[in-house]
N, C-alpha and C. Protein backbone atom coordinates (compact mmCIF):
# COMPACT_ATOMS: atom_id res chain seq x y z
N MET A 1 -23.61 55.27 -130.54
CA MET A 1 -22.63 54.54 -131.33
C MET A 1 -23.36 53.67 -132.37
N ASN A 2 -24.60 53.29 -132.20
CA ASN A 2 -25.30 52.47 -133.08
C ASN A 2 -25.54 53.16 -134.45
N PHE A 3 -25.61 54.51 -134.46
CA PHE A 3 -25.87 55.25 -135.72
C PHE A 3 -24.56 55.28 -136.60
N LEU A 4 -23.47 55.10 -136.03
CA LEU A 4 -22.19 55.09 -136.83
C LEU A 4 -22.13 53.97 -137.84
N LYS A 5 -22.86 52.83 -137.51
CA LYS A 5 -22.83 51.73 -138.43
C LYS A 5 -23.44 52.11 -139.80
N TYR A 6 -24.28 53.15 -139.82
CA TYR A 6 -24.86 53.62 -141.11
C TYR A 6 -24.19 54.79 -141.73
N LEU A 7 -23.03 55.16 -141.27
CA LEU A 7 -22.30 56.26 -141.78
C LEU A 7 -21.80 55.92 -143.30
N GLY A 8 -21.38 54.68 -143.44
CA GLY A 8 -20.94 54.20 -144.76
C GLY A 8 -22.04 54.37 -145.77
N VAL A 9 -23.25 53.94 -145.45
CA VAL A 9 -24.41 54.03 -146.33
C VAL A 9 -24.75 55.51 -146.72
N LEU A 10 -24.62 56.33 -145.72
CA LEU A 10 -24.82 57.79 -145.93
C LEU A 10 -23.77 58.36 -146.96
N VAL A 11 -22.49 57.96 -146.84
CA VAL A 11 -21.51 58.36 -147.71
C VAL A 11 -21.79 57.87 -149.11
N MET A 12 -22.16 56.56 -149.16
CA MET A 12 -22.51 56.09 -150.54
C MET A 12 -23.60 56.81 -151.13
N LEU A 13 -24.72 57.14 -150.39
CA LEU A 13 -25.79 57.90 -150.97
C LEU A 13 -25.37 59.34 -151.41
N ILE A 14 -24.42 59.92 -150.68
CA ILE A 14 -23.88 61.26 -151.14
C ILE A 14 -23.11 61.10 -152.40
N GLY A 15 -22.34 60.02 -152.59
CA GLY A 15 -21.70 59.84 -153.80
C GLY A 15 -22.64 59.56 -154.94
N ALA A 16 -23.65 58.75 -154.73
CA ALA A 16 -24.67 58.50 -155.73
C ALA A 16 -25.35 59.79 -156.14
N GLY A 17 -25.64 60.73 -155.12
CA GLY A 17 -26.27 61.99 -155.36
C GLY A 17 -25.33 62.86 -156.27
N VAL A 18 -23.99 62.81 -156.00
CA VAL A 18 -23.15 63.59 -156.81
C VAL A 18 -23.13 63.08 -158.27
N LEU A 19 -23.24 61.75 -158.47
CA LEU A 19 -23.32 61.27 -159.84
C LEU A 19 -24.63 61.59 -160.56
N VAL A 20 -25.73 61.51 -159.79
CA VAL A 20 -27.10 61.94 -160.35
C VAL A 20 -27.00 63.38 -160.73
N PHE A 21 -26.49 64.27 -159.82
CA PHE A 21 -26.44 65.71 -160.07
C PHE A 21 -25.66 65.93 -161.37
N ILE A 22 -24.60 65.30 -161.51
CA ILE A 22 -23.72 65.48 -162.74
C ILE A 22 -24.45 64.97 -163.95
N GLY A 23 -25.07 63.85 -163.82
CA GLY A 23 -25.83 63.30 -164.96
C GLY A 23 -27.04 64.25 -165.31
N VAL A 24 -27.71 64.82 -164.49
CA VAL A 24 -28.81 65.62 -164.76
C VAL A 24 -28.45 67.02 -165.30
N THR A 25 -27.34 67.58 -164.70
CA THR A 25 -26.89 68.84 -165.19
C THR A 25 -26.08 68.72 -166.53
N GLY A 26 -25.74 67.53 -166.95
CA GLY A 26 -24.98 67.42 -168.17
C GLY A 26 -23.55 67.66 -168.06
N GLY A 27 -22.91 67.59 -166.92
CA GLY A 27 -21.57 67.80 -166.66
C GLY A 27 -20.69 66.55 -166.72
N ALA A 28 -21.09 65.51 -167.50
CA ALA A 28 -20.41 64.27 -167.46
C ALA A 28 -19.00 64.39 -168.18
N GLN A 29 -18.85 65.62 -168.90
CA GLN A 29 -17.55 65.68 -169.60
C GLN A 29 -16.43 65.97 -168.56
N ALA A 30 -16.78 66.44 -167.39
CA ALA A 30 -15.76 66.71 -166.40
C ALA A 30 -15.51 65.45 -165.59
N ASN A 31 -14.30 64.83 -165.74
CA ASN A 31 -14.06 63.55 -165.12
C ASN A 31 -13.91 63.81 -163.57
N ILE A 32 -13.52 64.84 -163.11
CA ILE A 32 -13.20 65.06 -161.75
C ILE A 32 -14.49 64.79 -160.93
N GLY A 33 -15.63 65.27 -161.39
CA GLY A 33 -16.82 65.00 -160.60
C GLY A 33 -17.22 63.56 -160.68
N LEU A 34 -16.96 62.86 -161.74
CA LEU A 34 -17.20 61.43 -161.76
C LEU A 34 -16.35 60.64 -160.79
N PHE A 35 -15.10 61.10 -160.76
CA PHE A 35 -14.19 60.40 -159.85
C PHE A 35 -14.46 60.74 -158.37
N VAL A 36 -15.02 61.90 -158.14
CA VAL A 36 -15.44 62.19 -156.73
C VAL A 36 -16.63 61.35 -156.31
N GLY A 37 -17.60 61.25 -157.24
CA GLY A 37 -18.75 60.39 -156.92
C GLY A 37 -18.35 58.92 -156.73
N LEU A 38 -17.45 58.52 -157.61
CA LEU A 38 -17.05 57.05 -157.48
C LEU A 38 -16.16 56.83 -156.27
N GLY A 39 -15.36 57.79 -156.00
CA GLY A 39 -14.57 57.69 -154.67
C GLY A 39 -15.42 57.67 -153.43
N LEU A 40 -16.49 58.46 -153.38
CA LEU A 40 -17.36 58.46 -152.27
C LEU A 40 -18.16 57.17 -152.11
N ILE A 41 -18.52 56.64 -153.28
CA ILE A 41 -19.26 55.35 -153.16
C ILE A 41 -18.32 54.23 -152.70
N LEU A 42 -17.10 54.22 -153.23
CA LEU A 42 -16.17 53.14 -152.79
C LEU A 42 -15.75 53.34 -151.28
N LEU A 43 -15.62 54.64 -150.85
CA LEU A 43 -15.23 54.93 -149.50
C LEU A 43 -16.42 54.47 -148.57
N GLY A 44 -17.56 54.85 -149.00
CA GLY A 44 -18.79 54.42 -148.16
C GLY A 44 -18.93 52.96 -148.12
N TYR A 45 -18.63 52.21 -149.10
CA TYR A 45 -18.66 50.81 -149.12
C TYR A 45 -17.71 50.20 -148.05
N VAL A 46 -16.52 50.57 -148.18
CA VAL A 46 -15.45 50.15 -147.23
C VAL A 46 -15.82 50.54 -145.82
N LEU A 47 -16.23 51.83 -145.62
CA LEU A 47 -16.51 52.31 -144.26
C LEU A 47 -17.73 51.50 -143.74
N HIS A 48 -18.61 51.26 -144.52
CA HIS A 48 -19.84 50.49 -144.04
C HIS A 48 -19.39 49.01 -143.56
N ILE A 49 -18.54 48.39 -144.31
CA ILE A 49 -18.03 47.04 -143.84
C ILE A 49 -17.19 47.19 -142.56
N VAL A 50 -16.33 48.09 -142.50
CA VAL A 50 -15.52 48.19 -141.33
C VAL A 50 -16.27 48.65 -140.01
N LEU A 51 -17.22 49.62 -140.18
CA LEU A 51 -18.01 50.05 -138.97
C LEU A 51 -18.94 49.01 -138.60
N ASP A 52 -19.54 48.28 -139.57
CA ASP A 52 -20.47 47.21 -139.24
C ASP A 52 -19.80 46.06 -138.48
N LYS A 53 -18.58 45.72 -138.88
CA LYS A 53 -17.82 44.69 -138.31
C LYS A 53 -17.48 45.07 -136.86
N LYS A 54 -17.04 46.33 -136.73
CA LYS A 54 -16.64 46.79 -135.36
C LYS A 54 -17.83 46.86 -134.44
N ALA A 55 -19.01 47.24 -135.00
CA ALA A 55 -20.30 47.35 -134.16
C ALA A 55 -20.61 45.93 -133.69
N SER A 56 -20.54 44.97 -134.62
CA SER A 56 -20.98 43.57 -134.29
C SER A 56 -19.99 42.98 -133.31
N GLU A 57 -18.62 43.35 -133.40
CA GLU A 57 -17.71 42.82 -132.43
C GLU A 57 -17.97 43.43 -131.02
N GLN A 58 -18.31 44.69 -130.97
CA GLN A 58 -18.69 45.33 -129.67
C GLN A 58 -19.93 44.69 -129.10
N GLU A 59 -20.87 44.43 -129.97
CA GLU A 59 -22.14 43.89 -129.52
C GLU A 59 -21.92 42.47 -128.93
N ARG A 60 -21.06 41.79 -129.63
CA ARG A 60 -20.77 40.36 -129.14
C ARG A 60 -20.09 40.36 -127.86
N LEU A 61 -19.15 41.34 -127.70
CA LEU A 61 -18.39 41.48 -126.36
C LEU A 61 -19.31 41.85 -125.19
N HIS A 62 -20.31 42.62 -125.48
CA HIS A 62 -21.18 43.10 -124.48
C HIS A 62 -22.28 42.09 -124.06
N ASN A 63 -22.47 41.05 -124.87
CA ASN A 63 -23.43 40.04 -124.57
C ASN A 63 -22.81 38.82 -123.91
């Protein structure tokens, strides 16, 4: 369960990778790829906050 806390960071890194790939290949004219990258980064940000809060609450309850 401890590794789930880092799932949000992984999703953000995937989103950043999508944006880097689009930038390197020159496909910045296609907005859908940019929106996918941005969406993954925002989703990862929110997911990291929620999962970290849940993990810290469970840790507090077990101590």
